Every structure is written in structure tokens, then in C-alpha cells.
Amino acid sequence: MPPNQPLPGDINTENYTHRDANPVQLVSEHPVSTFSIDVDTGAYTNVRRMLNAGRLPPADAVRAEEFINYFDYHYAPPANRAQPFSVITELAPAPWNAQRQLLLVGIQGYRVPKAQIPAANLVFLIDTSGSMNEPDKLPLLKASLKQLVRELRKQDRVAIVTYAGSAGVALPSTAGDQHATIDAAIDSLGAGGSTNGGAGIELAYAQAGQGFIKDGVNRVILCTDGDFNVGTVDEEALKTTIEDHRKSGVALTTLGFGEGNYNDAMAVMLADVGNGSHHYIDNLAEGRRVLVDEMSATLLTIARDVKIQLEFNPAQVQEYRLIGYEKRLLKREDFNNDQVDAGEIGAGANVTAIYEITPAGSAGARIDPLRYGDRAEPQGHGNELGFLRLRYKLPGQSASRLIEQPIAAQAEAEASERLRWAAAVAAFADALRGGKYLDGYGYRQIAQLANGARGQDADGYRAGFVQLVKLAEGLATPAPANPETFLR
């Protein structure tokens, strides 16, 4: 039996939302691309779990932007918090087809000094249903939380709400420096019963309201395998509840655990509605990464409703394709509408988007030009590839601010280390979804590209990525028809 198939008797009810990959767009027909940023990373670590278990992921589990944004690209930060992030662009040939180019758009959030991080009011909403009674679920969650406890300060508040057949408060809002009390509450958590997530969310928000900190970080963190299975779960009612509390200043982040019944679709949807992020915890090191090492990026929002809009110059660009962000696409008119919700960026976080473009007149075009179409003549901006616009709101403000800058059409002869790395990660995501846009560029070439762009890798995340690519290559390679021939 191939290693990427479930074992006999396994019942896998994992749930993923289906989205087709973004298509190639003709600039003559669709010159403007608009989307919301996204800081989720859950898809990458969830797929990592599957590959390490010896099976390829379903295509719908792979979201390219979450693979790309898992990694730090070391962009130069903004000088101060007045403009909460810096914007970087880079243009270079695509590694899988030199007749096309990759445009990187990078955003680097302002790194708030630790002494200036405001007090946090955190409510952990923990699924203690029977489905969480596995080593990679509740026990891993408890160990991850204990790493966070050591980082909590006196001015912070933490509460723990549990939900199974009914919801309850395992720890009322408690000062962050009461480590022994918090640890004891974590130790007391046990799994059993079925799931009633809706009741738990209501109780968690009640606790968040009791401990609310003005001008602080107020957030519910939902920790679950996503298995909402008692009675009728009204998703619209859940979304309305989360939206209402989001507007009152309490965000929602989701942490996913486990396998077999993991409801990725639910966890991602709730985080998007709650102005939070979604992460998947596949091991204790990842728990520390999300809750300790990158706590500011996970919890402290420095800009809200961040939208990107790129207008391509038809005199320079014939085609483009946005890699990933399928769940974050916006209408063109949504960009200037401050009532349209978009993604948040946390302190010190960076966000990367990549476009694959076909220069005007290139032999690498995927779509035949119209017989009667005329390429647009330059309108005084012939040296521009396109024009980049970003909108964002500062925390607590309702009116958006605008950043605009042109993008030069001159490409670098060779991609930088960071663009080569981002290209390798984007290609890996595409390969796992079937490699439709890679022109035959396979896992082996992706591993070679990544290995040559690892750079500084103190935490080993990039080395781990290269190993995942090699695992995927092995899992995707058919076994020989005659094993004895292979052994010779």
C-alpha cells in the first residue's frame, strides 16, 4: 500500500475548504489585483505534520501564502511606529521559466520593544471534548501553554474557559505573575465528552469582558481540533458573535491541534472573522514559536484592515498570477471602502506576496493575445512595471491611511537570497497541489533552489523545509513495479 494512503480502518474526517488556485490574468482585461494580507501559518505546519507521518496532503490543505509567510525574510523595519510597516519590492527572473519574472512585495511590521508591549488580557478557550484525548492534542496544548506562562507579567491577565458537553471556567481572570495558580489550572484540564463550541465562545467573551484592559491586548485564543459535533452549529450565529466582539475590541486567534478529525475550514474561518490569525501546532517547538518566540506578532496588532492593490502597466506586463491568497481576494472597489474587513499585521511580523508575471512581448505567455487587441501605449510611465497601493488603519481608528509607490520595470539579473527562498516555498506549495504552473519544475529542483538560499538559519526552520521537500519527492515517486529489481 502506498505510504500516503490511510491505514485500513482509519476514519479521516478532516475538513478543508476547496479553492481553485488563482488563474493567470491578462493585464489588458484585468489590470488591477486587490487582496487582503494574511498572517496565518497553519497550513504549512499542518502539511508538515502529514509529510512527517508519511503521506502527501490533500490539495485543499495547501495554501501557498501560509507556506511563504511561515518564514522570516529579514526585511528592513520602519524607522518608527508612525508608519507601522515598511514596504519592499523586488523583481527577478522566475527560476522555473526565465521568460517570466517574479515580483515580490514584502511588508515588515514595526518591532515593538519588549518594555513597550502593552498589558494583555488573554482568554484561552480550550476544547476538552473526548476528541482531544490524544497525545498530539490536549497534552501538547497543555505543554505549549506552560511555556507561555513563564512570559506573563503582573500587568497581564489570563483566564481559561473549557468546553465539552458544557462550558465552564477553569481559571477566572488572574494576574499574569501568578504562575503557580495558572500552572495548576492547566494541569487540571482533562478531555472527555462531546463538543459544544458555541457555548464556550460566549463564556470566553464574557471572561474577556470582565478582564478587559483599555488600550491593551484583548484576545480570545481558541485551542481545538475544530470538531464542533454536538447539535446544530450555526456558523452564521458564531460569525455574528465573533464580529460583534471584534468591533468592541476583543480579537480571536485559533490554534489547531491533532489529526483525523481536524476541522481546518472552521478554524480558519473563525480566525478571519475575529481579526486574528490561525496557527497549527504540530509539536512542542511550534507551540513555543507561536506563543513565546513570536508572541508579539501573534497577539499585538499594529495595523488593521491592511489591503494591497497593484495596478500593472500593460506596456510592460502582459500577464500576471498572484500566488496564493485565494481566501483573501477583494473586489477592486473594496480597496477604498473602509467598511470592508481585511487582515491585521502584528508587531514584528512580515508578510510576503509573490506575483508571477509575463513581460510584454515575452515568449513565455500562457494566454494567446487577442487577434484584434492593441497593446496599450505608455502613458508617461513607461519605466514602471506597475503602481502599488496599500491601505491600513491604526489600532483604534476607523479611517484608513494610504501608501503609494511605483514599481520599477527593471528586473535584477539574479534574484536575491530572500526571493530565491520565497520562490522555492511558493513552488513547493504549487507542486503539492499538482504543479500546474511550474513547467515541469519538480521537487528535486525545488530542494536545490531552497538549499542554495537557506542563508542564516539559526532555528533550523529552513533546513527543516528542505527535508520536507525531499520527503514529498519520495512520497510522490511511484514504487518500482518489481521490488526485487529495485533491490538489485
Protein backbone atom coordinates (compact mmCIF):
# COMPACT_ATOMS: atom_id res chain seq x y z
CA MET A 1 0.00 0.00 0.00
CA PRO A 2 1.46 3.45 -0.92
CA PRO A 3 2.67 5.37 2.16
CA ASN A 4 0.43 8.37 1.53
CA GLN A 5 -2.78 6.35 1.90
CA PRO A 6 -4.65 5.96 5.23
CA LEU A 7 -4.22 2.66 7.00
CA PRO A 8 -7.09 0.15 6.90
CA GLY A 9 -9.71 1.06 9.47
CA ASP A 10 -8.65 4.71 9.71
CA ILE A 11 -11.50 7.19 9.50
CA ASN A 12 -10.34 10.60 8.38
CA THR A 13 -12.92 13.36 8.64
CA GLU A 14 -10.56 16.32 8.29
CA ASN A 15 -12.29 19.26 6.65
CA TYR A 16 -10.70 21.73 4.22
CA THR A 17 -12.28 24.46 2.12
CA HIS A 18 -11.85 23.96 -1.62
CA ARG A 19 -10.47 26.90 -3.57
CA ASP A 20 -9.07 26.84 -7.08
CA ALA A 21 -5.63 28.39 -7.49
CA ASN A 22 -5.61 31.95 -8.79
CA PRO A 23 -5.69 31.93 -12.60
CA VAL A 24 -3.37 33.73 -14.99
CA GLN A 25 -4.82 37.17 -15.78
CA LEU A 26 -4.33 39.23 -18.93
CA VAL A 27 -3.41 42.79 -17.99
CA SER A 28 -5.39 44.06 -20.98
CA GLU A 29 -8.53 42.62 -19.37
CA HIS A 30 -7.76 42.77 -15.62
CA PRO A 31 -5.04 45.34 -14.91
CA VAL A 32 -5.74 45.60 -11.16
CA SER A 33 -5.20 42.97 -8.45
CA THR A 34 -6.63 43.56 -4.96
CA PHE A 35 -6.35 41.40 -1.85
CA SER A 36 -6.10 41.46 1.93
CA ILE A 37 -2.90 40.50 3.68
CA ASP A 38 -2.86 37.24 5.62
CA VAL A 39 -0.58 36.23 8.50
CA ASP A 40 -1.87 32.69 9.06
CA THR A 41 0.74 29.93 9.06
CA GLY A 42 -1.43 26.93 9.95
CA ALA A 43 -1.41 25.33 6.50
CA TYR A 44 2.37 24.93 6.49
CA THR A 45 2.66 23.20 9.85
CA ASN A 46 -0.41 21.07 9.21
CA VAL A 47 1.10 19.83 5.93
CA ARG A 48 4.41 19.33 7.73
CA ARG A 49 2.59 17.01 10.12
CA MET A 50 1.22 14.97 7.22
CA LEU A 51 4.55 14.67 5.42
CA ASN A 52 6.34 13.65 8.60
CA ALA A 53 3.66 10.98 9.06
CA GLY A 54 4.46 9.60 5.60
CA ARG A 55 1.62 10.87 3.44
CA LEU A 56 1.05 13.61 0.92
CA PRO A 57 -1.55 16.25 1.84
CA PRO A 58 -4.85 16.83 0.07
CA ALA A 59 -4.55 19.77 -2.30
CA ASP A 60 -7.06 21.85 -0.33
CA ALA A 61 -4.83 21.69 2.78
CA VAL A 62 -2.12 23.60 0.90
CA ARG A 63 -2.34 27.41 0.95
CA ALA A 64 0.71 28.99 -0.66
CA GLU A 65 0.62 32.27 1.28
CA GLU A 66 0.70 30.41 4.61
CA PHE A 67 3.75 28.45 3.45
CA ILE A 68 5.51 31.64 2.32
CA ASN A 69 4.61 33.65 5.43
CA TYR A 70 5.84 30.97 7.81
CA PHE A 71 9.38 32.22 7.18
CA ASP A 72 11.15 35.44 8.15
CA TYR A 73 12.60 37.38 5.21
CA HIS A 74 14.56 39.91 7.28
CA TYR A 75 13.11 42.99 5.60
CA ALA A 76 14.34 46.35 6.83
CA PRO A 77 11.91 47.62 9.51
CA PRO A 78 10.30 51.07 9.55
CA ALA A 79 12.19 53.76 11.44
CA ASN A 80 9.38 54.34 13.94
CA ARG A 81 5.80 53.42 14.75
CA ALA A 82 4.29 56.44 12.98
CA GLN A 83 4.15 54.31 9.83
CA PRO A 84 3.70 50.81 11.28
CA PHE A 85 5.40 48.90 8.47
CA SER A 86 7.89 49.25 5.66
CA VAL A 87 7.21 48.13 2.07
CA ILE A 88 9.76 46.33 -0.10
CA THR A 89 9.53 45.19 -3.73
CA GLU A 90 11.88 43.07 -5.85
CA LEU A 91 11.72 41.82 -9.44
CA ALA A 92 13.81 38.98 -10.91
CA PRO A 93 13.54 36.04 -13.35
CA ALA A 94 11.39 33.08 -12.29
CA PRO A 95 13.55 30.01 -11.55
CA TRP A 96 11.20 27.65 -13.41
CA ASN A 97 10.94 29.78 -16.55
CA ALA A 98 13.44 32.53 -17.39
CA GLN A 99 10.93 34.10 -19.80
CA ARG A 100 8.77 35.05 -16.83
CA GLN A 101 9.53 37.09 -13.73
CA LEU A 102 8.65 37.03 -10.05
CA LEU A 103 7.58 40.21 -8.30
CA LEU A 104 7.96 40.11 -4.53
CA VAL A 105 6.00 42.53 -2.33
CA GLY A 106 7.14 42.46 1.29
CA ILE A 107 5.77 44.20 4.38
CA GLN A 108 7.75 44.39 7.62
CA GLY A 109 5.92 45.35 10.80
CA TYR A 110 7.44 47.64 13.40
CA ARG A 111 9.15 45.72 16.19
CA VAL A 112 7.77 47.00 19.49
CA PRO A 113 10.41 46.92 22.26
CA LYS A 114 9.51 44.42 24.95
CA ALA A 115 9.25 47.13 27.61
CA GLN A 116 6.63 48.93 25.49
CA ILE A 117 4.35 45.95 24.87
CA PRO A 118 1.00 46.82 26.46
CA ALA A 119 -0.71 44.68 29.06
CA ALA A 120 -2.51 41.64 27.67
CA ASN A 121 -5.89 40.21 28.64
CA LEU A 122 -5.86 36.66 27.29
CA VAL A 123 -8.68 34.14 27.50
CA PHE A 124 -7.81 30.61 26.40
CA LEU A 125 -10.89 28.80 25.17
CA ILE A 126 -9.89 25.15 25.30
CA ASP A 127 -11.66 22.21 23.72
CA THR A 128 -11.74 19.42 26.33
CA SER A 129 -14.05 17.10 24.42
CA GLY A 130 -13.25 13.42 24.03
CA SER A 131 -11.74 14.01 20.59
CA MET A 132 -8.91 15.95 22.29
CA ASN A 133 -7.79 12.90 24.27
CA GLU A 134 -4.75 12.19 22.07
CA PRO A 135 -1.04 12.93 22.73
CA ASP A 136 -0.90 15.48 19.89
CA LYS A 137 -3.95 17.35 21.16
CA LEU A 138 -4.69 18.28 24.79
CA PRO A 139 -1.33 17.10 26.27
CA LEU A 140 0.57 19.06 23.59
CA LEU A 141 -1.65 22.08 24.17
CA LYS A 142 -1.03 22.00 27.93
CA ALA A 143 2.74 21.76 27.45
CA SER A 144 2.64 24.66 24.97
CA LEU A 145 0.64 26.86 27.35
CA LYS A 146 3.09 26.26 30.16
CA GLN A 147 5.85 27.76 28.04
CA LEU A 148 3.79 30.93 27.65
CA VAL A 149 3.06 31.16 31.38
CA ARG A 150 6.71 31.99 32.15
CA GLU A 151 6.47 35.04 29.89
CA LEU A 152 3.38 36.56 31.53
CA ARG A 153 3.81 39.72 33.61
CA LYS A 154 1.99 41.15 36.61
CA GLN A 155 0.05 43.59 34.42
CA ASP A 156 -1.21 40.78 32.18
CA ARG A 157 -4.42 38.85 32.81
CA VAL A 158 -5.18 35.27 31.80
CA ALA A 159 -8.33 33.16 32.04
CA ILE A 160 -9.10 29.61 30.91
CA VAL A 161 -12.53 28.54 29.69
CA THR A 162 -13.21 24.93 28.72
CA TYR A 163 -15.94 23.46 26.60
CA ALA A 164 -17.14 19.91 26.00
CA GLY A 165 -20.72 18.84 26.69
CA SER A 166 -20.99 22.09 28.65
CA ALA A 167 -18.78 25.12 29.12
CA GLY A 168 -17.01 26.10 32.32
CA VAL A 169 -14.36 28.40 33.77
CA ALA A 170 -11.20 26.50 34.72
CA LEU A 171 -9.39 29.72 35.67
CA PRO A 172 -11.10 33.07 36.22
CA SER A 173 -9.20 36.16 35.11
CA THR A 174 -5.91 36.02 37.02
CA ALA A 175 -2.83 38.25 37.21
CA GLY A 176 -0.12 37.03 34.85
CA ASP A 177 2.55 36.72 37.53
CA GLN A 178 0.53 34.08 39.43
CA HIS A 179 2.40 31.33 37.60
CA ALA A 180 1.71 28.54 40.10
CA THR A 181 -2.04 29.20 40.04
CA ILE A 182 -2.11 29.26 36.24
CA ASP A 183 0.00 26.09 36.01
CA ALA A 184 -2.34 24.28 38.39
CA ALA A 185 -5.34 25.22 36.25
CA ILE A 186 -3.55 23.91 33.15
CA ASP A 187 -2.65 20.67 34.93
CA SER A 188 -6.29 20.14 35.90
CA LEU A 189 -7.51 20.04 32.29
CA GLY A 190 -8.77 16.68 31.07
CA ALA A 191 -10.59 15.51 27.95
CA GLY A 192 -13.99 13.81 27.83
CA GLY A 193 -17.47 14.22 26.36
CA SER A 194 -18.66 15.76 23.12
CA THR A 195 -18.21 19.27 21.81
CA ASN A 196 -20.32 22.38 22.27
CA GLY A 197 -18.07 25.13 20.97
CA GLY A 198 -20.74 27.80 20.63
CA ALA A 199 -21.48 27.91 24.37
CA GLY A 200 -17.76 28.06 25.13
CA ILE A 201 -17.22 31.06 22.90
CA GLU A 202 -19.96 33.01 24.67
CA LEU A 203 -18.42 32.25 28.07
CA ALA A 204 -14.92 33.12 26.84
CA TYR A 205 -16.07 36.52 25.64
CA ALA A 206 -17.76 37.11 28.99
CA GLN A 207 -14.42 36.45 30.72
CA ALA A 208 -12.66 38.73 28.24
CA GLY A 209 -15.14 41.46 29.08
CA GLN A 210 -14.54 41.08 32.81
CA GLY A 211 -10.77 41.38 32.39
CA PHE A 212 -10.86 43.96 29.58
CA ILE A 213 -7.80 46.23 29.52
CA LYS A 214 -8.26 49.65 27.93
CA ASP A 215 -5.52 50.29 25.35
CA GLY A 216 -4.26 46.76 25.96
CA VAL A 217 -4.27 43.49 24.06
CA ASN A 218 -7.66 41.79 24.49
CA ARG A 219 -7.89 38.43 22.79
CA VAL A 220 -9.65 35.07 22.96
CA ILE A 221 -7.41 32.19 21.85
CA LEU A 222 -9.42 29.17 20.74
CA CYS A 223 -7.48 25.90 21.05
CA THR A 224 -9.17 22.96 19.33
CA ASP A 225 -9.12 20.21 16.76
CA GLY A 226 -12.16 22.03 15.36
CA ASP A 227 -14.55 19.15 15.98
CA PHE A 228 -17.83 21.01 16.64
CA ASN A 229 -20.13 18.00 16.74
CA VAL A 230 -22.95 18.47 19.24
CA GLY A 231 -26.31 19.52 17.89
CA THR A 232 -26.56 22.14 15.15
CA VAL A 233 -23.63 24.51 15.00
CA ASP A 234 -24.97 27.66 13.39
CA GLU A 235 -21.91 29.08 11.66
CA GLU A 236 -23.63 32.37 10.87
CA ALA A 237 -24.54 32.85 14.53
CA LEU A 238 -20.95 32.08 15.55
CA LYS A 239 -19.65 34.56 12.99
CA THR A 240 -22.05 37.25 14.20
CA THR A 241 -20.95 36.74 17.81
CA ILE A 242 -17.28 36.97 16.88
CA GLU A 243 -17.84 40.02 14.66
CA ASP A 244 -19.73 41.85 17.42
CA HIS A 245 -16.95 41.27 19.95
CA ARG A 246 -14.29 42.15 17.38
CA LYS A 247 -15.92 45.54 16.98
CA SER A 248 -15.81 46.00 20.77
CA GLY A 249 -12.06 45.37 20.84
CA VAL A 250 -11.70 41.63 21.53
CA ALA A 251 -9.97 39.68 18.76
CA LEU A 252 -9.98 35.91 18.21
CA THR A 253 -6.99 33.73 17.32
CA THR A 254 -7.26 29.99 16.65
CA LEU A 255 -4.72 27.26 17.40
CA GLY A 256 -5.31 23.90 15.74
CA PHE A 257 -4.20 20.51 17.07
CA GLY A 258 -4.28 16.87 16.08
CA GLU A 259 -5.32 14.79 13.11
CA GLY A 260 -8.11 12.57 11.88
CA ASN A 261 -10.98 14.96 12.62
CA TYR A 262 -9.16 18.29 12.28
CA ASN A 263 -11.59 20.95 11.05
CA ASP A 264 -9.24 23.35 9.29
CA ALA A 265 -12.08 25.11 7.48
CA MET A 266 -13.79 26.07 10.74
CA ALA A 267 -10.59 27.19 12.49
CA VAL A 268 -9.51 29.38 9.57
CA MET A 269 -12.95 30.93 9.15
CA LEU A 270 -13.28 31.86 12.83
CA ALA A 271 -9.83 33.48 12.92
CA ASP A 272 -10.53 35.50 9.78
CA VAL A 273 -13.81 36.78 11.20
CA GLY A 274 -12.19 37.53 14.55
CA ASN A 275 -9.36 39.72 13.20
CA GLY A 276 -6.89 37.13 14.42
CA SER A 277 -4.59 34.56 12.90
CA HIS A 278 -4.70 30.80 12.59
CA HIS A 279 -1.80 28.55 13.54
CA TYR A 280 -1.47 24.79 13.68
CA ILE A 281 0.65 23.29 16.48
CA ASP A 282 2.24 20.03 15.36
CA ASN A 283 4.91 19.78 18.08
CA LEU A 284 6.14 21.49 21.24
CA ALA A 285 8.73 23.57 19.37
CA GLU A 286 5.95 25.04 17.23
CA GLY A 287 3.94 25.78 20.37
CA ARG A 288 6.89 27.77 21.69
CA ARG A 289 7.38 29.52 18.36
CA VAL A 290 3.79 30.78 18.22
CA LEU A 291 3.18 31.51 21.91
CA VAL A 292 6.64 32.66 23.06
CA ASP A 293 9.14 33.47 20.31
CA GLU A 294 6.61 35.29 18.13
CA MET A 295 4.16 36.28 20.86
CA SER A 296 4.17 39.96 19.84
CA ALA A 297 3.42 39.11 16.21
CA THR A 298 0.70 36.67 17.28
CA LEU A 299 -1.02 38.94 19.79
CA LEU A 300 -0.14 42.65 19.34
CA THR A 301 -1.81 44.26 16.32
CA ILE A 302 -0.01 47.30 14.90
CA ALA A 303 -2.16 47.81 11.78
CA ARG A 304 -5.69 46.71 10.91
CA ASP A 305 -7.55 46.06 7.68
CA VAL A 306 -4.38 46.01 5.58
CA LYS A 307 -5.17 45.81 1.86
CA ILE A 308 -2.87 45.64 -1.15
CA GLN A 309 -3.77 46.82 -4.63
CA LEU A 310 -1.44 46.54 -7.60
CA GLU A 311 -2.14 48.11 -10.98
CA PHE A 312 0.00 46.61 -13.75
CA ASN A 313 1.28 48.68 -16.66
CA PRO A 314 0.09 46.96 -19.88
CA ALA A 315 3.05 48.41 -21.76
CA GLN A 316 5.35 46.34 -19.51
CA VAL A 317 3.29 43.36 -18.34
CA GLN A 318 1.24 41.01 -20.49
CA GLU A 319 0.08 38.52 -17.80
CA TYR A 320 0.24 38.07 -14.05
CA ARG A 321 -0.71 35.49 -11.47
CA LEU A 322 -0.95 36.09 -7.72
CA ILE A 323 0.48 33.08 -5.91
CA GLY A 324 -1.84 32.20 -3.03
CA TYR A 325 -4.21 34.48 -1.09
CA GLU A 326 -7.23 32.82 -2.71
CA LYS A 327 -9.17 33.18 0.55
CA ARG A 328 -8.27 36.88 0.79
CA LEU A 329 -9.19 38.22 -2.66
CA LEU A 330 -11.09 41.51 -2.73
CA LYS A 331 -13.07 43.38 -5.34
CA ARG A 332 -11.37 46.40 -6.84
CA GLU A 333 -13.86 48.75 -5.20
CA ASP A 334 -13.28 47.13 -1.79
CA PHE A 335 -9.85 48.74 -1.58
CA ASN A 336 -11.23 52.23 -0.88
CA ASN A 337 -14.15 51.01 1.23
CA ASP A 338 -13.22 51.27 4.90
CA GLN A 339 -16.23 49.14 5.82
CA VAL A 340 -14.68 46.08 4.15
CA ASP A 341 -12.76 43.95 6.62
CA ALA A 342 -9.21 42.84 5.84
CA GLY A 343 -6.23 41.27 7.60
CA GLU A 344 -4.16 42.53 10.51
CA ILE A 345 -0.39 42.63 10.97
CA GLY A 346 1.26 42.08 14.33
CA ALA A 347 4.34 43.70 15.86
CA GLY A 348 7.49 42.50 14.12
CA ALA A 349 5.60 40.29 11.67
CA ASN A 350 6.38 40.27 7.98
CA VAL A 351 4.05 39.48 5.11
CA THR A 352 5.14 38.45 1.63
CA ALA A 353 3.20 38.22 -1.62
CA ILE A 354 4.57 36.96 -4.92
CA TYR A 355 3.28 37.57 -8.42
CA GLU A 356 4.48 35.58 -11.40
CA ILE A 357 4.40 37.95 -14.36
CA THR A 358 4.95 37.62 -18.10
CA PRO A 359 6.65 40.72 -19.54
CA ALA A 360 5.01 42.28 -22.58
CA GLY A 361 6.25 40.59 -25.74
CA SER A 362 7.74 37.60 -23.90
CA ALA A 363 7.62 34.15 -25.47
CA GLY A 364 6.60 32.83 -22.05
CA ALA A 365 2.98 33.96 -22.35
CA ARG A 366 0.41 31.35 -21.34
CA ILE A 367 -2.58 33.02 -23.00
CA ASP A 368 -2.68 33.81 -26.71
CA PRO A 369 -3.12 37.52 -27.43
CA LEU A 370 -6.35 38.74 -29.00
CA ARG A 371 -6.26 38.93 -32.78
CA TYR A 372 -7.71 42.44 -32.78
CA GLY A 373 -6.30 43.68 -29.49
CA ASP A 374 -3.76 46.51 -29.30
CA ARG A 375 -1.19 46.68 -26.57
CA ALA A 376 -1.61 49.89 -24.64
CA GLU A 377 0.88 52.64 -25.34
CA PRO A 378 2.86 54.04 -22.40
CA GLN A 379 1.04 56.91 -20.72
CA GLY A 380 4.08 58.75 -19.40
CA HIS A 381 5.04 55.92 -17.04
CA GLY A 382 6.82 53.63 -19.48
CA ASN A 383 9.58 52.72 -17.00
CA GLU A 384 7.07 51.47 -14.41
CA LEU A 385 6.06 47.85 -14.06
CA GLY A 386 3.07 48.90 -12.02
CA PHE A 387 1.77 51.02 -9.17
CA LEU A 388 1.42 49.69 -5.63
CA ARG A 389 -1.15 50.95 -3.14
CA LEU A 390 -1.61 49.85 0.47
CA ARG A 391 -4.39 50.82 2.84
CA TYR A 392 -4.37 50.25 6.58
CA LYS A 393 -5.90 51.51 9.81
CA LEU A 394 -4.06 52.21 13.01
CA PRO A 395 -5.50 50.39 16.05
CA GLY A 396 -8.49 52.25 17.43
CA GLN A 397 -9.01 54.33 14.28
CA SER A 398 -11.80 53.91 11.74
CA ALA A 399 -10.35 55.88 8.81
CA SER A 400 -7.71 54.19 6.67
CA ARG A 401 -4.36 55.59 5.60
CA LEU A 402 -2.80 55.19 2.17
CA ILE A 403 0.71 54.33 0.99
CA GLU A 404 1.52 54.58 -2.72
CA GLN A 405 4.67 53.83 -4.69
CA PRO A 406 5.59 52.96 -8.28
CA ILE A 407 7.41 49.71 -9.08
CA ALA A 408 10.33 49.98 -11.49
CA ALA A 409 10.20 47.73 -14.56
CA GLN A 410 13.93 46.96 -14.46
CA ALA A 411 14.45 43.43 -13.14
CA GLU A 412 17.54 42.22 -11.32
CA ALA A 413 19.72 39.84 -13.33
CA GLU A 414 19.62 37.37 -10.42
CA ALA A 415 17.14 37.02 -7.61
CA SER A 416 18.27 37.85 -4.09
CA GLU A 417 18.58 35.13 -1.47
CA ARG A 418 15.22 36.04 0.05
CA LEU A 419 13.41 35.98 -3.30
CA ARG A 420 15.01 32.64 -4.19
CA TRP A 421 13.84 31.26 -0.85
CA ALA A 422 10.32 32.63 -1.27
CA ALA A 423 10.22 31.22 -4.81
CA ALA A 424 11.23 27.77 -3.54
CA VAL A 425 8.50 27.83 -0.90
CA ALA A 426 5.89 29.02 -3.42
CA ALA A 427 6.97 26.32 -5.87
CA PHE A 428 6.70 23.65 -3.16
CA ALA A 429 3.12 24.67 -2.43
CA ASP A 430 2.31 24.57 -6.15
CA ALA A 431 3.97 21.15 -6.53
CA LEU A 432 1.90 19.73 -3.67
CA ARG A 433 -1.22 20.93 -5.50
CA GLY A 434 -0.16 19.26 -8.75
CA GLY A 435 2.46 21.65 -10.17
CA LYS A 436 0.13 23.19 -12.75
CA TYR A 437 2.19 26.38 -13.12
CA LEU A 438 5.74 25.02 -12.71
CA ASP A 439 6.55 23.99 -16.30
CA GLY A 440 7.91 20.63 -15.12
CA TYR A 441 9.99 22.11 -12.30
CA GLY A 442 9.93 19.32 -9.72
CA TYR A 443 10.69 18.56 -6.09
CA ARG A 444 14.38 17.92 -6.75
CA GLN A 445 14.88 21.34 -8.37
CA ILE A 446 12.87 22.97 -5.58
CA ALA A 447 15.11 21.37 -2.94
CA GLN A 448 18.22 22.54 -4.79
CA LEU A 449 16.86 26.08 -5.08
CA ALA A 450 15.96 26.17 -1.39
CA ASN A 451 19.25 24.65 -0.27
CA GLY A 452 21.14 27.40 -2.08
CA ALA A 453 19.06 30.13 -0.42
CA ARG A 454 18.97 28.95 3.20
CA GLY A 455 21.16 31.80 4.45
CA GLN A 456 21.19 32.31 8.21
CA ASP A 457 19.06 29.58 9.75
CA ALA A 458 19.71 29.65 13.49
CA ASP A 459 16.42 27.93 14.34
CA GLY A 460 16.69 25.31 11.60
CA TYR A 461 13.32 26.16 10.04
CA ARG A 462 14.78 26.39 6.55
CA ALA A 463 16.76 23.17 6.87
CA GLY A 464 13.53 21.54 8.01
CA PHE A 465 11.78 22.84 4.91
CA VAL A 466 14.38 21.29 2.61
CA GLN A 467 13.84 17.95 4.34
CA LEU A 468 10.09 18.26 3.80
CA VAL A 469 10.62 18.80 0.08
CA LYS A 470 12.74 15.64 -0.04
CA LEU A 471 10.07 13.72 1.88
CA ALA A 472 7.43 14.88 -0.59
CA GLU A 473 9.62 13.80 -3.50
CA GLY A 474 9.93 10.32 -2.02
CA LEU A 475 6.21 10.04 -1.32
CA ALA A 476 5.31 11.25 -4.81
CA THR A 477 7.67 8.82 -6.55
CA PRO A 478 5.85 5.59 -7.52
CA ALA A 479 7.26 2.40 -6.05
CA PRO A 480 9.01 0.11 -8.59
CA ALA A 481 6.74 -2.49 -10.16
CA ASN A 482 9.18 -5.24 -9.19
CA PRO A 483 10.74 -4.62 -5.74
CA GLU A 484 13.36 -7.32 -6.39
CA THR A 485 14.63 -5.35 -9.38
CA PHE A 486 14.88 -2.25 -7.17
CA LEU A 487 16.87 -4.16 -4.53
CA ARG A 488 19.43 -5.31 -7.07
